[in-house]
PDB file of N, CA and C in Angstrom:
ATOM      1  N   MET A   1       0.508  -1.190   0.087  1.00  0.00           N
ATOM      2  CA  MET A   1       0.082   0.026   0.272  1.00  0.00           C
ATOM      3  C   MET A   1       0.777   1.494  -0.428  1.00  0.00           C
ATOM      4  N   ALA A   2       1.048   2.152  -0.857  1.00  0.00           N
ATOM      5  CA  ALA A   2       1.700   3.697  -1.192  1.00  0.00           C
ATOM      6  C   ALA A   2       1.163   4.453   0.520  1.00  0.00           C
ATOM      7  N   ASN A   3       1.901   5.196   0.555  1.00  0.00           N
ATOM      8  CA  ASN A   3       2.471   5.723   1.938  1.00  0.00           C
ATOM      9  C   ASN A   3       2.377   7.319   0.858  1.00  0.00           C
ATOM     10  N   TYR A   4       1.314   7.919   1.044  1.00  0.00           N
ATOM     11  CA  TYR A   4       1.363   9.204   0.371  1.00  0.00           C
ATOM     12  C   TYR A   4       1.609  10.547   1.311  1.00  0.00           C
ATOM     13  N   PHE A   5       1.752  10.271   2.613  1.00  0.00           N
ATOM     14  CA  PHE A   5       1.814  11.253   3.721  1.00  0.00           C
ATOM     15  C   PHE A   5       3.987  11.335   3.474  1.00  0.00           C
ATOM     16  N   PRO A   6       3.869  13.094   3.290  1.00  0.00           N
ATOM     17  CA  PRO A   6       5.316  14.017   3.428  1.00  0.00           C
ATOM     18  C   PRO A   6       6.417  13.047   4.310  1.00  0.00           C
ATOM     19  N   LYS A   7       7.396  13.031   4.027  1.00  0.00           N
ATOM     20  CA  LYS A   7       8.967  12.368   4.596  1.00  0.00           C
ATOM     21  C   LYS A   7       9.604  13.463   5.224  1.00  0.00           C
ATOM     22  N   GLY A   8       9.411  14.359   4.221  1.00  0.00           N
ATOM     23  CA  GLY A   8      10.611  15.247   4.634  1.00  0.00           C
ATOM     24  C   GLY A   8      12.129  15.576   3.861  1.00  0.00           C
ATOM     25  N   VAL A   9      12.575  16.429   3.222  1.00  0.00           N
ATOM     26  CA  VAL A   9      13.680  15.951   2.590  1.00  0.00           C
ATOM     27  C   VAL A   9      14.810  15.728   3.132  1.00  0.00           C
ATOM     28  N   GLU A  10      15.546  15.416   4.533  1.00  0.00           N
ATOM     29  CA  GLU A  10      16.352  14.706   5.064  1.00  0.00           C
ATOM     30  C   GLU A  10      15.971  13.006   4.656  1.00  0.00           C
ATOM     31  N   ARG A  11      15.405  12.527   5.496  1.00  0.00           N
ATOM     32  CA  ARG A  11      14.936  11.611   5.205  1.00  0.00           C
ATOM     33  C   ARG A  11      14.707  10.541   4.079  1.00  0.00           C
ATOM     34  N   MET A  12      13.744  11.379   2.544  1.00  0.00           N
ATOM     35  CA  MET A  12      14.485  11.530   1.097  1.00  0.00           C
ATOM     36  C   MET A  12      15.244  11.238   0.497  1.00  0.00           C
ATOM     37  N   ARG A  13      16.201  12.307   1.157  1.00  0.00           N
ATOM     38  CA  ARG A  13      17.515  12.506   0.647  1.00  0.00           C
ATOM     39  C   ARG A  13      18.644  10.588   1.328  1.00  0.00           C
ATOM     40  N   TYR A  14      18.260  10.376   2.648  1.00  0.00           N
ATOM     41  CA  TYR A  14      18.827   9.059   3.594  1.00  0.00           C
ATOM     42  C   TYR A  14      18.332   7.944   2.771  1.00  0.00           C
ATOM     43  N   LEU A  15      16.957   8.254   2.406  1.00  0.00           N
ATOM     44  CA  LEU A  15      16.262   6.536   1.217  1.00  0.00           C
ATOM     45  C   LEU A  15      17.232   6.770  -0.130  1.00  0.00           C
ATOM     46  N   GLY A  16      17.216   7.893  -0.810  1.00  0.00           N
ATOM     47  CA  GLY A  16      17.622   7.635  -1.897  1.00  0.00           C
ATOM     48  C   GLY A  16      19.582   7.152  -1.446  1.00  0.00           C
ATOM     49  N   ARG A  17      20.102   7.534  -0.712  1.00  0.00           N
ATOM     50  CA  ARG A  17      21.474   7.203  -0.534  1.00  0.00           C
ATOM     51  C   ARG A  17      21.491   6.002  -0.055  1.00  0.00           C
ATOM     52  N   VAL A  18      20.691   5.032   0.364  1.00  0.00           N
ATOM     53  CA  VAL A  18      20.814   4.270   1.397  1.00  0.00           C
ATOM     54  C   VAL A  18      20.336   2.908   0.202  1.00  0.00           C
ATOM     55  N   GLY A  19      19.043   3.358  -0.213  1.00  0.00           N
ATOM     56  CA  GLY A  19      18.296   2.444  -1.473  1.00  0.00           C
ATOM     57  C   GLY A  19      19.357   2.172  -2.249  1.00  0.00           C
ATOM     58  N   GLY A  20      19.899   3.624  -3.177  1.00  0.00           N
ATOM     59  CA  GLY A  20      20.698   3.350  -3.896  1.00  0.00           C
ATOM     60  C   GLY A  20      22.043   2.620  -3.716  1.00  0.00           C
ATOM     61  N   TYR A  21      22.457   2.820  -2.891  1.00  0.00           N
ATOM     62  CA  TYR A  21      23.747   1.578  -2.457  1.00  0.00           C
ATOM     63  C   TYR A  21      23.151  -0.011  -2.177  1.00  0.00           C
ATOM     64  N   LYS A  22      22.290   0.104  -1.744  1.00  0.00           N
ATOM     65  CA  LYS A  22      21.958  -1.537  -1.572  1.00  0.00           C
ATOM     66  C   LYS A  22      21.183  -1.958  -2.613  1.00  0.00           C
ATOM     67  N   SER A  23      20.487  -1.466  -3.377  1.00  0.00           N
ATOM     68  CA  SER A  23      20.423  -1.621  -5.235  1.00  0.00           C
ATOM     69  C   SER A  23      21.409  -2.211  -5.607  1.00  0.00           C
ATOM     70  N   GLY A  24      22.459  -1.449  -5.749  1.00  0.00           N
ATOM     71  CA  GLY A  24      23.539  -2.256  -6.184  1.00  0.00           C
ATOM     72  C   GLY A  24      24.916  -3.324  -5.845  1.00  0.00           C
ATOM     73  N   ILE A  25      24.360  -2.826  -4.582  1.00  0.00           N
ATOM     74  CA  ILE A  25      24.998  -4.375  -4.143  1.00  0.00           C
ATOM     75  C   ILE A  25      24.740  -5.138  -4.568  1.00  0.00           C
ATOM     76  N   VAL A  26      22.938  -5.556  -4.241  1.00  0.00           N
ATOM     77  CA  VAL A  26      21.991  -6.570  -4.759  1.00  0.00           C
ATOM     78  C   VAL A  26      22.063  -6.741  -6.138  1.00  0.00           C
ATOM     79  N   ARG A  27      22.899  -5.748  -7.120  1.00  0.00           N
ATOM     80  CA  ARG A  27      22.765  -6.348  -8.451  1.00  0.00           C
ATOM     81  C   ARG A  27      24.144  -6.723  -8.364  1.00  0.00           C
ATOM     82  N   ARG A  28      25.134  -6.526  -7.944  1.00  0.00           N
ATOM     83  CA  ARG A  28      26.444  -7.065  -8.282  1.00  0.00           C
ATOM     84  C   ARG A  28      26.529  -8.404  -7.776  1.00  0.00           C
ATOM     85  N   ARG A  29      25.807  -8.369  -6.900  1.00  0.00           N
ATOM     86  CA  ARG A  29      25.776 -10.088  -5.915  1.00  0.00           C
ATOM     87  C   ARG A  29      25.007 -10.776  -6.925  1.00  0.00           C
ATOM     88  N   ASN A  30      24.236 -10.242  -7.180  1.00  0.00           N
ATOM     89  CA  ASN A  30      23.126 -11.333  -8.156  1.00  0.00           C
ATOM     90  C   ASN A  30      24.002 -11.461  -9.348  1.00  0.00           C
ATOM     91  N   SER A  31      24.624 -10.769  -9.874  1.00  0.00           N
ATOM     92  CA  SER A  31      25.273 -10.802 -11.381  1.00  0.00           C
ATOM     93  C   SER A  31      26.048 -11.427 -11.216  1.00  0.00           C
ATOM     94  N   LEU A  32      27.323 -11.636 -10.025  1.00  0.00           N
ATOM     95  CA  LEU A  32      28.069 -12.483 -10.026  1.00  0.00           C
ATOM     96  C   LEU A  32      27.655 -13.842  -9.481  1.00  0.00           C
ATOM     97  N   THR A  33      26.397 -14.169  -8.809  1.00  0.00           N
ATOM     98  CA  THR A  33      26.247 -15.408  -8.292  1.00  0.00           C
ATOM     99  C   THR A  33      25.120 -16.070  -9.758  1.00  0.00           C
ATOM    100  N   LEU A  34      24.752 -15.546 -11.101  1.00  0.00           N
ATOM    101  CA  LEU A  34      24.445 -15.616 -12.415  1.00  0.00           C
ATOM    102  C   LEU A  34      25.909 -16.342 -12.649  1.00  0.00           C
ATOM    103  N   ARG A  35      26.905 -15.825 -12.748  1.00  0.00           N
ATOM    104  CA  ARG A  35      27.944 -15.868 -13.617  1.00  0.00           C
ATOM    105  C   ARG A  35      28.842 -17.158 -13.213  1.00  0.00           C
ATOM    106  N   LEU A  36      28.661 -17.548 -12.107  1.00  0.00           N
ATOM    107  CA  LEU A  36      29.166 -18.598 -11.023  1.00  0.00           C
ATOM    108  C   LEU A  36      28.665 -19.918 -11.605  1.00  0.00           C
ATOM    109  N   ALA A  37      27.242 -19.686 -11.263  1.00  0.00           N
ATOM    110  CA  ALA A  37      26.427 -20.895 -11.717  1.00  0.00           C
ATOM    111  C   ALA A  37      26.865 -21.199 -12.685  1.00  0.00           C
ATOM    112  N   GLY A  38      26.824 -20.294 -14.106  1.00  0.00           N
ATOM    113  CA  GLY A  38      26.770 -20.824 -15.528  1.00  0.00           C
ATOM    114  C   GLY A  38      28.548 -21.760 -15.241  1.00  0.00           C
ATOM    115  N   LEU A  39      29.131 -20.828 -14.494  1.00  0.00           N
ATOM    116  CA  LEU A  39      30.217 -21.690 -14.911  1.00  0.00           C
ATOM    117  C   LEU A  39      30.671 -23.217 -14.741  1.00  0.00           C
ATOM    118  N   TYR A  40      29.810 -22.732 -13.164  1.00  0.00           N
ATOM    119  CA  TYR A  40      29.945 -24.181 -12.396  1.00  0.00           C
ATOM    120  C   TYR A  40      29.385 -25.209 -12.900  1.00  0.00           C
ATOM    121  N   SER A  41      28.489 -24.702 -13.839  1.00  0.00           N
ATOM    122  CA  SER A  41      27.512 -25.784 -14.751  1.00  0.00           C
ATOM    123  C   SER A  41      28.087 -26.188 -16.012  1.00  0.00           C
ATOM    124  N   VAL A  42      29.157 -25.058 -16.727  1.00  0.00           N
ATOM    125  CA  VAL A  42      29.620 -25.733 -17.478  1.00  0.00           C
ATOM    126  C   VAL A  42      30.578 -26.205 -16.880  1.00  0.00           C
ATOM    127  N   TRP A  43      31.818 -26.497 -16.140  1.00  0.00           N
ATOM    128  CA  TRP A  43      32.562 -26.939 -15.496  1.00  0.00           C
ATOM    129  C   TRP A  43      32.390 -28.687 -15.192  1.00  0.00           C
ATOM    130  N   GLU A  44      31.046 -28.812 -14.601  1.00  0.00           N
ATOM    131  CA  GLU A  44      30.614 -30.117 -14.297  1.00  0.00           C
ATOM    132  C   GLU A  44      29.874 -31.008 -15.546  1.00  0.00           C
ATOM    133  N   MET A  45      29.800 -30.313 -16.593  1.00  0.00           N
ATOM    134  CA  MET A  45      29.494 -31.018 -17.772  1.00  0.00           C
ATOM    135  C   MET A  45      30.290 -31.217 -18.704  1.00  0.00           C
ATOM    136  N   THR A  46      31.890 -30.849 -18.213  1.00  0.00           N
ATOM    137  CA  THR A  46      32.776 -31.035 -19.040  1.00  0.00           C
ATOM    138  C   THR A  46      33.531 -31.890 -18.246  1.00  0.00           C
ATOM    139  N   GLY A  47      33.197 -32.292 -16.716  1.00  0.00           N
ATOM    140  CA  GLY A  47      33.843 -33.580 -16.578  1.00  0.00           C
ATOM    141  C   GLY A  47      34.607 -32.146 -15.129  1.00  0.00           C
ATOM    142  N   GLY A  48      34.809 -31.547 -15.499  1.00  0.00           N
ATOM    143  CA  GLY A  48      35.774 -30.810 -14.082  1.00  0.00           C
ATOM    144  C   GLY A  48      36.994 -31.144 -14.687  1.00  0.00           C
ATOM    145  N   GLN A  49      37.298 -30.726 -16.160  1.00  0.00           N
ATOM    146  CA  GLN A  49      38.680 -30.990 -17.093  1.00  0.00           C
ATOM    147  C   GLN A  49      39.261 -30.001 -17.090  1.00  0.00           C
ATOM    148  N   PHE A  50      39.020 -29.077 -16.899  1.00  0.00           N
ATOM    149  CA  PHE A  50      39.247 -27.097 -17.696  1.00  0.00           C
ATOM    150  C   PHE A  50      38.798 -26.433 -16.652  1.00  0.00           C
ATOM    151  N   THR A  51      39.818 -25.527 -16.181  1.00  0.00           N
ATOM    152  CA  THR A  51      40.166 -24.826 -15.831  1.00  0.00           C
ATOM    153  C   THR A  51      38.913 -23.861 -15.318  1.00  0.00           C
ATOM    154  N   GLY A  52      38.571 -22.746 -14.581  1.00  0.00           N
ATOM    155  CA  GLY A  52      37.528 -21.697 -14.824  1.00  0.00           C
ATOM    156  C   GLY A  52      38.397 -20.483 -15.597  1.00  0.00           C
ATOM    157  N   GLU A  53      39.404 -20.169 -15.970  1.00  0.00           N
ATOM    158  CA  GLU A  53      39.470 -19.641 -16.471  1.00  0.00           C
ATOM    159  C   GLU A  53      39.974 -19.453 -18.095  1.00  0.00           C
ATOM    160  N   GLU A  54      39.794 -21.049 -17.867  1.00  0.00           N
ATOM    161  CA  GLU A  54      39.895 -22.233 -19.675  1.00  0.00           C
ATOM    162  C   GLU A  54      38.046 -21.807 -19.794  1.00  0.00           C
ATOM    163  N   ILE A  55      37.333 -22.103 -18.775  1.00  0.00           N
ATOM    164  CA  ILE A  55      36.035 -21.976 -19.595  1.00  0.00           C
ATOM    165  C   ILE A  55      35.849 -20.925 -19.833  1.00  0.00           C
ATOM    166  N   LEU A  56      35.608 -19.384 -18.833  1.00  0.00           N
ATOM    167  CA  LEU A  56      35.568 -17.673 -19.354  1.00  0.00           C
ATOM    168  C   LEU A  56      35.912 -17.292 -20.133  1.00  0.00           C
ATOM    169  N   GLU A  57      36.906 -18.173 -20.806  1.00  0.00           N
ATOM    170  CA  GLU A  57      38.043 -17.517 -22.175  1.00  0.00           C
ATOM    171  C   GLU A  57      37.089 -17.911 -23.704  1.00  0.00           C
ATOM    172  N   GLU A  58      36.969 -19.195 -23.049  1.00  0.00           N
ATOM    173  CA  GLU A  58      36.133 -19.921 -24.151  1.00  0.00           C
ATOM    174  C   GLU A  58      34.702 -19.012 -24.077  1.00  0.00           C
ATOM    175  N   LEU A  59      34.105 -18.708 -22.847  1.00  0.00           N
ATOM    176  CA  LEU A  59      32.984 -17.977 -23.236  1.00  0.00           C
ATOM    177  C   LEU A  59      32.737 -16.693 -23.450  1.00  0.00           C
ATOM    178  N   ARG A  60      33.874 -16.336 -23.380  1.00  0.00           N
ATOM    179  CA  ARG A  60      33.740 -14.182 -23.726  1.00  0.00           C
ATOM    180  C   ARG A  60      33.523 -14.376 -25.518  1.00  0.00           C
ATOM    181  N   PRO A  61      33.023 -13.380 -25.343  1.00  0.00           N
ATOM    182  CA  PRO A  61      32.058 -12.933 -26.827  1.00  0.00           C
ATOM    183  C   PRO A  61      33.960 -12.643 -27.725  1.00  0.00           C
ATOM    184  N   PRO A  62      33.000 -13.067 -29.194  1.00  0.00           N
ATOM    185  CA  PRO A  62      34.444 -12.328 -29.602  1.00  0.00           C
ATOM    186  C   PRO A  62      34.487 -10.864 -29.757  1.00  0.00           C
ATOM    187  N   ASP A  63      35.916 -10.459 -30.095  1.00  0.00           N
ATOM    188  CA  ASP A  63      36.298  -8.988 -30.200  1.00  0.00           C
ATOM    189  C   ASP A  63      36.117  -8.530 -31.515  1.00  0.00           C
ATOM    190  N   LEU A  64      34.573  -7.922 -32.076  1.00  0.00           N
ATOM    191  CA  LEU A  64      34.477  -7.701 -33.396  1.00  0.00           C
ATOM    192  C   LEU A  64      34.762  -6.441 -33.566  1.00  0.00           C
ATOM    193  N   SER A  65      35.519  -5.790 -32.803  1.00  0.00           N
ATOM    194  CA  SER A  65      35.447  -4.322 -33.243  1.00  0.00           C
ATOM    195  C   SER A  65      36.721  -4.547 -34.336  1.00  0.00           C
ATOM    196  N   SER A  66      36.566  -3.828 -34.933  1.00  0.00           N
ATOM    197  CA  SER A  66      37.993  -3.404 -35.776  1.00  0.00           C
ATOM    198  C   SER A  66      37.903  -2.292 -36.827  1.00  0.00           C
ATOM    199  N   GLY A  67      39.116  -2.047 -37.118  1.00  0.00           N
ATOM    200  CA  GLY A  67      39.508  -0.472 -37.526  1.00  0.00           C
ATOM    201  C   GLY A  67      39.483  -0.119 -39.245  1.00  0.00           C
ATOM    202  N   ASP A  68      39.591  -1.428 -40.105  1.00  0.00           N
ATOM    203  CA  ASP A  68      39.857  -1.567 -41.014  1.00  0.00           C
ATOM    204  C   ASP A  68      38.456  -2.384 -41.576  1.00  0.00           C
ATOM    205  N   HIS A  69      38.087  -1.801 -42.585  1.00  0.00           N
ATOM    206  CA  HIS A  69      36.650  -2.647 -43.302  1.00  0.00           C
ATOM    207  C   HIS A  69      36.867  -2.986 -44.616  1.00  0.00           C
ATOM    208  N   ARG A  70      38.212  -4.520 -43.965  1.00  0.00           N
ATOM    209  CA  ARG A  70      38.123  -5.873 -44.826  1.00  0.00           C
ATOM    210  C   ARG A  70      37.219  -6.668 -44.337  1.00  0.00           C
ATOM    211  N   THR A  71      36.665  -6.713 -43.293  1.00  0.00           N
ATOM    212  CA  THR A  71      36.022  -7.754 -42.417  1.00  0.00           C
ATOM    213  C   THR A  71      34.279  -6.824 -42.805  1.00  0.00           C
ATOM    214  N   ASP A  72      33.797  -5.714 -43.428  1.00  0.00           N
ATOM    215  CA  ASP A  72      32.771  -5.015 -44.007  1.00  0.00           C
ATOM    216  C   ASP A  72      32.041  -6.474 -44.610  1.00  0.00           C
ATOM    217  N   TRP A  73      30.837  -6.400 -44.432  1.00  0.00           N
ATOM    218  CA  TRP A  73      30.095  -7.839 -45.273  1.00  0.00           C
ATOM    219  C   TRP A  73      29.321  -7.102 -46.365  1.00  0.00           C
ATOM    220  N   HIS A  74      28.706  -7.362 -47.479  1.00  0.00           N
ATOM    221  CA  HIS A  74      28.369  -6.896 -48.285  1.00  0.00           C
ATOM    222  C   HIS A  74      26.853  -7.677 -48.365  1.00  0.00           C
ATOM    223  N   CYS A  75      25.447  -6.348 -48.790  1.00  0.00           N
ATOM    224  CA  CYS A  75      24.332  -7.508 -48.176  1.00  0.00           C
ATOM    225  C   CYS A  75      24.121  -7.114 -49.575  1.00  0.00           C
ATOM    226  N   PRO A  76      23.378  -7.794 -50.000  1.00  0.00           N
ATOM    227  CA  PRO A  76      22.415  -8.192 -51.320  1.00  0.00           C
ATOM    228  C   PRO A  76      21.618  -6.431 -52.264  1.00  0.00           C
ATOM    229  N   CYS A  77      21.342  -5.779 -51.068  1.00  0.00           N
ATOM    230  CA  CYS A  77      20.221  -4.774 -51.698  1.00  0.00           C
ATOM    231  C   CYS A  77      22.267  -3.638 -51.860  1.00  0.00           C
ATOM    232  N   GLY A  78      23.355  -3.418 -51.804  1.00  0.00           N
ATOM    233  CA  GLY A  78      24.223  -3.086 -52.403  1.00  0.00           C
ATOM    234  C   GLY A  78      24.760  -2.593 -50.967  1.00  0.00           C
ATOM    235  N   HIS A  79      24.727  -2.435 -49.881  1.00  0.00           N
ATOM    236  CA  HIS A  79      25.086  -1.666 -48.775  1.00  0.00           C
ATOM    237  C   HIS A  79      25.912  -2.772 -47.885  1.00  0.00           C
ATOM    238  N   PHE A  80      27.493  -2.212 -47.258  1.00  0.00           N
ATOM    239  CA  PHE A  80      28.510  -2.524 -46.426  1.00  0.00           C
ATOM    240  C   PHE A  80      28.148  -2.601 -45.209  1.00  0.00           C
ATOM    241  N   ASN A  81      28.714  -3.313 -44.442  1.00  0.00           N
ATOM    242  CA  ASN A  81      27.857  -2.940 -43.312  1.00  0.00           C
ATOM    243  C   ASN A  81      29.158  -3.587 -42.356  1.00  0.00           C
ATOM    244  N   SER A  82      29.387  -2.833 -41.359  1.00  0.00           N
ATOM    245  CA  SER A  82      30.407  -3.638 -40.476  1.00  0.00           C
ATOM    246  C   SER A  82      30.579  -4.836 -39.828  1.00  0.00           C
ATOM    247  N   ARG A  83      31.362  -5.292 -39.922  1.00  0.00           N
ATOM    248  CA  ARG A  83      31.194  -6.677 -38.986  1.00  0.00           C
ATOM    249  C   ARG A  83      30.092  -7.136 -37.791  1.00  0.00           C
ATOM    250  N   LYS A  84      30.257  -5.435 -37.005  1.00  0.00           N
ATOM    251  CA  LYS A  84      28.975  -6.309 -36.001  1.00  0.00           C
ATOM    252  C   LYS A  84      28.226  -6.257 -36.079  1.00  0.00           C
ATOM    253  N   ARG A  85      27.292  -5.899 -37.053  1.00  0.00           N
ATOM    254  CA  ARG A  85      25.891  -5.636 -37.553  1.00  0.00           C
ATOM    255  C   ARG A  85      25.627  -7.298 -37.440  1.00  0.00           C
ATOM    256  N   ARG A  86      24.369  -7.114 -37.375  1.00  0.00           N
ATOM    257  CA  ARG A  86      23.323  -8.258 -37.305  1.00  0.00           C
ATOM    258  C   ARG A  86      22.628  -8.546 -38.256  1.00  0.00           C
ATOM    259  N   ALA A  87      22.377  -7.213 -38.686  1.00  0.00           N
ATOM    260  CA  ALA A  87      21.353  -6.965 -40.207  1.00  0.00           C
ATOM    261  C   ALA A  87      21.480  -5.902 -41.091  1.00  0.00           C
ATOM    262  N   CYS A  88      21.356  -5.735 -41.650  1.00  0.00           N
ATOM    263  CA  CYS A  88      21.887  -4.441 -42.893  1.00  0.00           C
ATOM    264  C   CYS A  88      21.050  -3.500 -42.082  1.00  0.00           C
ATOM    265  N   ALA A  89      21.832  -1.914 -41.992  1.00  0.00           N
ATOM    266  CA  ALA A  89      21.564  -0.514 -41.665  1.00  0.00           C
ATOM    267  C   ALA A  89      20.590  -0.333 -42.637  1.00  0.00           C
ATOM    268  N   LYS A  90      20.716  -0.304 -43.963  1.00  0.00           N
ATOM    269  CA  LYS A  90      19.600   0.160 -45.188  1.00  0.00           C
ATOM    270  C   LYS A  90      18.597  -0.886 -45.169  1.00  0.00           C
ATOM    271  N   CYS A  91      18.762  -2.008 -45.060  1.00  0.00           N
ATOM    272  CA  CYS A  91      17.562  -2.968 -45.399  1.00  0.00           C
ATOM    273  C   CYS A  91      17.057  -3.819 -44.787  1.00  0.00           C
ATOM    274  N   ARG A  92      17.837  -3.864 -43.506  1.00  0.00           N
ATOM    275  CA  ARG A  92      16.946  -4.641 -42.293  1.00  0.00           C
ATOM    276  C   ARG A  92      17.209  -5.927 -42.320  1.00  0.00           C
ATOM    277  N   VAL A  93      18.116  -6.884 -43.118  1.00  0.00           N
ATOM    278  CA  VAL A  93      17.512  -7.743 -43.791  1.00  0.00           C
ATOM    279  C   VAL A  93      18.918  -8.232 -42.995  1.00  0.00           C
ATOM    280  N   VAL A  94      18.499  -9.408 -42.551  1.00  0.00           N
ATOM    281  CA  VAL A  94      20.148 -10.835 -41.737  1.00  0.00           C
ATOM    282  C   VAL A  94      20.821 -10.942 -42.104  1.00  0.00           C
ATOM    283  N   ALA A  95      21.723 -10.477 -41.099  1.00  0.00           N
ATOM    284  CA  ALA A  95      23.900 -10.845 -42.369  1.00  0.00           C
ATOM    285  C   ALA A  95      23.393 -12.702 -42.112  1.00  0.00           C
ATOM    286  N   PRO A  96      23.650 -13.023 -43.099  1.00  0.00           N
ATOM    287  CA  PRO A  96      23.843 -14.843 -43.446  1.00  0.00           C
ATOM    288  C   PRO A  96      25.243 -15.359 -42.153  1.00  0.00           C
ATOM    289  N   LYS A  97      24.965 -16.245 -41.817  1.00  0.00           N
ATOM    290  CA  LYS A  97      26.018 -16.604 -40.712  1.00  0.00           C
ATOM    291  C   LYS A  97      27.316 -17.233 -41.165  1.00  0.00           C
ATOM    292  N   CYS A  98      26.951 -17.906 -42.320  1.00  0.00           N
ATOM    293  CA  CYS A  98      28.238 -18.333 -43.061  1.00  0.00           C
ATOM    294  C   CYS A  98      28.131 -17.254 -44.442  1.00  0.00           C
ATOM    295  N   GLY A  99      29.211 -17.653 -44.999  1.00  0.00           N
ATOM    296  CA  GLY A  99      29.442 -16.944 -46.798  1.00  0.00           C
ATOM    297  C   GLY A  99      28.969 -15.670 -46.595  1.00  0.00           C
ATOM    298  N   MET A 100      29.572 -14.414 -45.563  1.00  0.00           N
ATOM    299  CA  MET A 100      29.777 -13.681 -45.053  1.00  0.00           C
ATOM    300  C   MET A 100      30.443 -12.818 -46.931  1.00  0.00           C
ATOM    301  N   LEU A 101      30.026 -12.203 -47.812  1.00  0.00           N
ATOM    302  CA  LEU A 101      31.392 -11.382 -48.815  1.00  0.00           C
ATOM    303  C   LEU A 101      31.501 -10.245 -48.164  1.00  0.00           C
ATOM    304  N   THR A 102      32.860 -10.568 -47.576  1.00  0.00           N
ATOM    305  CA  THR A 102      33.686  -9.174 -47.035  1.00  0.00           C
ATOM    306  C   THR A 102      34.421  -8.775 -48.062  1.00  0.00           C
ATOM    307  N   ARG A 103      34.847  -7.108 -47.730  1.00  0.00           N
ATOM    308  CA  ARG A 103      35.654  -6.446 -49.142  1.00  0.00           C
ATOM    309  C   ARG A 103      36.398  -7.417 -49.183  1.00  0.00           C
ATOM    310  N   ALA A 104      37.216  -8.105 -48.424  1.00  0.00           N
ATOM    311  CA  ALA A 104      38.943  -9.118 -48.990  1.00  0.00           C
ATOM    312  C   ALA A 104      38.060 -10.012 -49.338  1.00  0.00           C
ATOM    313  N   ALA A 105      37.327 -10.892 -49.519  1.00  0.00           N
ATOM    314  CA  ALA A 105      36.983 -11.900 -49.957  1.00  0.00           C
ATOM    315  C   ALA A 105      36.191 -11.426 -51.643  1.00  0.00           C
ATOM    316  N   LEU A 106      35.478 -10.118 -51.415  1.00  0.00           N
ATOM    317  CA  LEU A 106      35.056  -9.919 -52.696  1.00  0.00           C
ATOM    318  C   LEU A 106      36.307  -9.477 -53.339  1.00  0.00           C
ATOM    319  N   ARG A 107      37.755  -9.101 -53.499  1.00  0.00           N
ATOM    320  CA  ARG A 107      39.009  -8.150 -53.888  1.00  0.00           C
ATOM    321  C   ARG A 107      39.141  -9.737 -54.105  1.00  0.00           C
ATOM    322  N   GLU A 108      39.590 -10.829 -53.635  1.00  0.00           N
ATOM    323  CA  GLU A 108      39.632 -12.048 -54.659  1.00  0.00           C
ATOM    324  C   GLU A 108      39.155 -12.883 -55.475  1.00  0.00           C
ATOM    325  N   LEU A 109      37.823 -12.733 -55.458  1.00  0.00           N
ATOM    326  CA  LEU A 109      36.500 -13.171 -56.248  1.00  0.00           C
ATOM    327  C   LEU A 109      36.943 -12.427 -57.545  1.00  0.00           C
ATOM    328  N   GLY A 110      37.515 -10.723 -57.788  1.00  0.00           N
ATOM    329  CA  GLY A 110      37.584 -10.018 -58.500  1.00  0.00           C
ATOM    330  C   GLY A 110      36.305  -9.352 -58.866  1.00  0.00           C
ATOM    331  N   THR A 111      36.246  -7.925 -59.152  1.00  0.00           N
ATOM    332  CA  THR A 111      35.145  -7.790 -60.218  1.00  0.00           C
ATOM    333  C   THR A 111      34.743  -7.450 -60.658  1.00  0.00           C
ATOM    334  N   PRO A 112      33.317  -7.907 -60.582  1.00  0.00           N
ATOM    335  CA  PRO A 112      32.106  -8.442 -62.036  1.00  0.00           C
ATOM    336  C   PRO A 112      31.641  -8.202 -63.038  1.00  0.00           C
ATOM    337  N   PRO A 113      31.980  -7.717 -64.057  1.00  0.00           N
ATOM    338  CA  PRO A 113      31.599  -6.964 -65.413  1.00  0.00           C
ATOM    339  C   PRO A 113      30.338  -5.911 -65.027  1.00  0.00           C
ATOM    340  N   GLY A 114      30.825  -5.031 -65.289  1.00  0.00           N
ATOM    341  CA  GLY A 114      29.229  -4.086 -65.311  1.00  0.00           C
ATOM    342  C   GLY A 114      29.398  -2.942 -63.703  1.00  0.00           C
ATOM    343  N   LEU A 115      29.880  -3.729 -62.936  1.00  0.00           N
ATOM    344  CA  LEU A 115      30.422  -3.362 -61.674  1.00  0.00           C
ATOM    345  C   LEU A 115      31.529  -2.449 -61.221  1.00  0.00           C
ATOM    346  N   PRO A 116      31.552  -1.006 -60.562  1.00  0.00           N
ATOM    347  CA  PRO A 116      32.863  -0.611 -60.231  1.00  0.00           C
ATOM    348  C   PRO A 116      34.175  -1.097 -59.269  1.00  0.00           C
ATOM    349  N   ALA A 117      35.068  -1.121 -59.452  1.00  0.00           N
ATOM    350  CA  ALA A 117      35.759  -1.807 -58.627  1.00  0.00           C
ATOM    351  C   ALA A 117      36.220  -1.117 -57.177  1.00  0.00           C
ATOM    352  N   LEU A 118      36.113  -1.844 -56.118  1.00  0.00           N
ATOM    353  CA  LEU A 118      36.054  -1.394 -54.970  1.00  0.00           C
ATOM    354  C   LEU A 118      37.414  -1.026 -54.257  1.00  0.00           C
ATOM    355  N   ARG A 119      37.192   0.111 -53.857  1.00  0.00           N
ATOM    356  CA  ARG A 119      38.136   1.191 -53.805  1.00  0.00           C
ATOM    357  C   ARG A 119      39.119   0.105 -51.945  1.00  0.00           C
ATOM    358  N   PRO A 120      40.566   0.767 -52.207  1.00  0.00           N
ATOM    359  CA  PRO A 120      41.238  -0.244 -51.191  1.00  0.00           C
ATOM    360  C   PRO A 120      41.200   0.170 -49.958  1.00  0.00           C
TER     361      PRO A 120
END
C-alpha cells in the first residue's frame, strides 16, 4: 500500500542514498551469482577437466571491433555493413551466418563485369 504522507527532505535524501547503495550491492551480488552458477554448470558438464579461466576464456564473446573495412560484409541491397551488425543498416535483412561476402573476399573474387571496382 502506498504511503502518500510527506517524509521530509532529509528522510528522502537518506532513503535515496541507502536505497541506491543497497540496490547496487544486490545487483552486483546477483550478477556474480549468475556468472558463478553458469561457470559451475559448464565445469560439471566437462567433467572438471578445464580450469575456470579456460572456461571463461571460451565463453567470452569475440571481439568484433576493427578499424579496417576488410571485414565489412556486403548485403544483397548493395550496402556494406560493419562486422558488428547482425542485420543490414539499410534494408534490415539479417546477415548470413556463413558465407558473408567481406570486402577482402570480394577483392579475391575480382570485380564482376559492369560493377565498379572496390576501393582499397
